[in-house]
Structures are given as C-alpha cells and as structure tokens.
C-alpha cells in the first residue's frame, strides 16, 4: 500500500508487486517522498 497525504486528505494506492516487480521496486527506492504540490494547467499563452 502507498499513502499520499495532501492537507487533511489521505489517498491510498495498491502496489501490484506480483504484476510489476521492477516498477514497484523503483517506486520504493525513492520513498518516503516529501514535496510541495502545485496544480498547473497549460492552455496557451498566460496573461
């Protein structure tokens, strides 16, 4: 299981190690990860 906390909300995800062992291992290598989250949308020239 992987938990992602944003403010007061926690999101839970499953890691499918049997189906993707290399991908799960790569994800686990950089955990725990702490970062600032910013929503950005690109839709052309910003004014």
N, C-alpha and C. Protein backbone atom coordinates (compact mmCIF):
# COMPACT_ATOMS: atom_id res chain seq x y z
N UNK A 1 0.83 -1.18 0.00
CA UNK A 1 0.00 0.00 0.00
C UNK A 1 0.88 1.24 0.00
N UNK A 2 0.35 2.26 -0.62
CA UNK A 2 1.03 3.55 -0.69
C UNK A 2 0.02 4.60 -0.26
N UNK A 3 0.40 5.45 0.67
CA UNK A 3 -0.49 6.52 1.12
C UNK A 3 0.08 7.86 0.70
N UNK A 4 -0.79 8.69 0.14
CA UNK A 4 -0.42 10.04 -0.27
C UNK A 4 -1.27 11.00 0.55
N UNK A 5 -0.61 11.87 1.30
CA UNK A 5 -1.33 12.83 2.15
C UNK A 5 -1.23 14.21 1.54
N UNK A 6 -2.40 14.83 1.35
CA UNK A 6 -2.48 16.20 0.86
C UNK A 6 -3.39 16.95 1.82
N UNK A 7 -2.81 17.89 2.54
CA UNK A 7 -3.52 18.60 3.61
C UNK A 7 -4.12 17.58 4.57
N UNK A 8 -5.43 17.59 4.73
CA UNK A 8 -6.09 16.68 5.67
C UNK A 8 -6.66 15.45 4.98
N UNK A 9 -6.32 15.21 3.73
CA UNK A 9 -6.87 14.09 2.97
C UNK A 9 -5.77 13.07 2.68
N UNK A 10 -6.09 11.79 2.87
CA UNK A 10 -5.15 10.71 2.59
C UNK A 10 -5.70 9.85 1.47
N UNK A 11 -4.89 9.63 0.45
CA UNK A 11 -5.24 8.77 -0.67
C UNK A 11 -4.43 7.49 -0.55
N UNK A 12 -5.05 6.34 -0.79
CA UNK A 12 -4.39 5.06 -0.68
C UNK A 12 -4.32 4.39 -2.05
N UNK A 13 -3.17 3.83 -2.38
CA UNK A 13 -2.98 3.13 -3.65
C UNK A 13 -2.36 1.77 -3.38
N UNK A 14 -2.68 0.81 -4.24
CA UNK A 14 -2.09 -0.52 -4.14
C UNK A 14 -0.87 -0.60 -5.05
N UNK A 15 0.16 -1.26 -4.57
CA UNK A 15 1.33 -1.54 -5.39
C UNK A 15 1.24 -3.02 -5.79
N UNK A 16 1.17 -3.28 -7.08
CA UNK A 16 0.99 -4.65 -7.58
C UNK A 16 2.36 -5.29 -7.86
N UNK A 17 2.99 -5.73 -6.79
CA UNK A 17 4.35 -6.26 -6.89
C UNK A 17 4.42 -7.53 -7.74
N UNK A 18 3.38 -8.37 -7.69
CA UNK A 18 3.39 -9.59 -8.49
C UNK A 18 3.32 -9.29 -9.99
N UNK A 19 2.59 -8.24 -10.36
CA UNK A 19 2.41 -7.89 -11.77
C UNK A 19 3.53 -7.00 -12.31
N UNK A 20 4.14 -6.20 -11.46
CA UNK A 20 5.15 -5.24 -11.92
C UNK A 20 6.26 -5.10 -10.88
N UNK A 21 7.03 -6.15 -10.65
CA UNK A 21 8.04 -6.09 -9.57
C UNK A 21 9.10 -5.02 -9.78
N UNK A 22 9.53 -4.81 -11.00
CA UNK A 22 10.57 -3.79 -11.24
C UNK A 22 10.03 -2.39 -10.98
N UNK A 23 8.80 -2.14 -11.40
CA UNK A 23 8.20 -0.81 -11.18
C UNK A 23 7.99 -0.54 -9.70
N UNK A 24 7.49 -1.53 -8.98
CA UNK A 24 7.27 -1.37 -7.54
C UNK A 24 8.61 -1.15 -6.83
N UNK A 25 9.63 -1.87 -7.22
CA UNK A 25 10.95 -1.69 -6.61
C UNK A 25 11.48 -0.28 -6.88
N UNK A 26 11.26 0.23 -8.09
CA UNK A 26 11.72 1.58 -8.42
C UNK A 26 10.99 2.63 -7.59
N UNK A 27 9.69 2.44 -7.39
CA UNK A 27 8.91 3.38 -6.57
C UNK A 27 9.41 3.34 -5.13
N UNK A 28 9.63 2.16 -4.60
CA UNK A 28 10.07 2.02 -3.20
C UNK A 28 11.45 2.63 -2.96
N UNK A 29 12.28 2.68 -3.99
CA UNK A 29 13.63 3.25 -3.84
C UNK A 29 13.60 4.72 -3.45
N UNK A 30 12.63 5.48 -3.96
CA UNK A 30 12.62 6.91 -3.66
C UNK A 30 11.62 7.29 -2.57
N UNK A 31 11.04 6.31 -1.88
CA UNK A 31 10.14 6.59 -0.77
C UNK A 31 10.92 6.60 0.53
N UNK A 32 10.57 7.38 1.51
CA UNK A 32 9.47 8.34 1.50
C UNK A 32 9.83 9.60 0.70
N UNK A 33 8.83 10.16 0.09
CA UNK A 33 9.00 11.36 -0.72
C UNK A 33 8.16 12.47 -0.10
N UNK A 34 8.77 13.62 0.06
CA UNK A 34 8.05 14.77 0.60
C UNK A 34 8.28 15.93 -0.36
N UNK A 35 7.19 16.56 -0.80
CA UNK A 35 7.31 17.62 -1.79
C UNK A 35 6.12 18.56 -1.69
N UNK A 36 6.27 19.72 -2.27
CA UNK A 36 5.18 20.68 -2.35
C UNK A 36 4.37 20.36 -3.60
N UNK A 37 3.05 20.32 -3.47
CA UNK A 37 2.17 20.01 -4.58
C UNK A 37 1.59 21.29 -5.14
N UNK A 38 1.65 21.44 -6.46
CA UNK A 38 1.12 22.64 -7.10
C UNK A 38 0.35 22.22 -8.35
N UNK A 39 -0.88 22.68 -8.47
CA UNK A 39 -1.68 22.38 -9.65
C UNK A 39 -1.39 23.42 -10.72
N UNK A 40 -1.06 22.96 -11.90
CA UNK A 40 -0.75 23.86 -13.01
C UNK A 40 -1.46 23.35 -14.25
N UNK A 41 -2.00 24.25 -15.03
CA UNK A 41 -2.67 23.86 -16.26
C UNK A 41 -2.11 24.69 -17.40
N UNK A 42 -1.70 24.03 -18.46
CA UNK A 42 -1.20 24.72 -19.64
C UNK A 42 -2.31 24.77 -20.68
N UNK A 43 -2.66 25.95 -21.11
CA UNK A 43 -3.73 26.07 -22.10
C UNK A 43 -3.44 27.22 -23.06
N UNK A 44 -2.19 27.45 -23.33
CA UNK A 44 -1.85 28.54 -24.23
C UNK A 44 -1.08 29.62 -23.50
N UNK A 45 -1.07 30.79 -24.06
CA UNK A 45 -0.31 31.91 -23.51
C UNK A 45 -1.02 32.45 -22.27
N UNK A 46 -0.27 32.56 -21.17
CA UNK A 46 -0.83 33.11 -19.94
C UNK A 46 -0.71 34.62 -19.97
N UNK A 47 -1.71 35.29 -19.44
CA UNK A 47 -1.67 36.75 -19.38
C UNK A 47 -1.71 37.23 -17.96
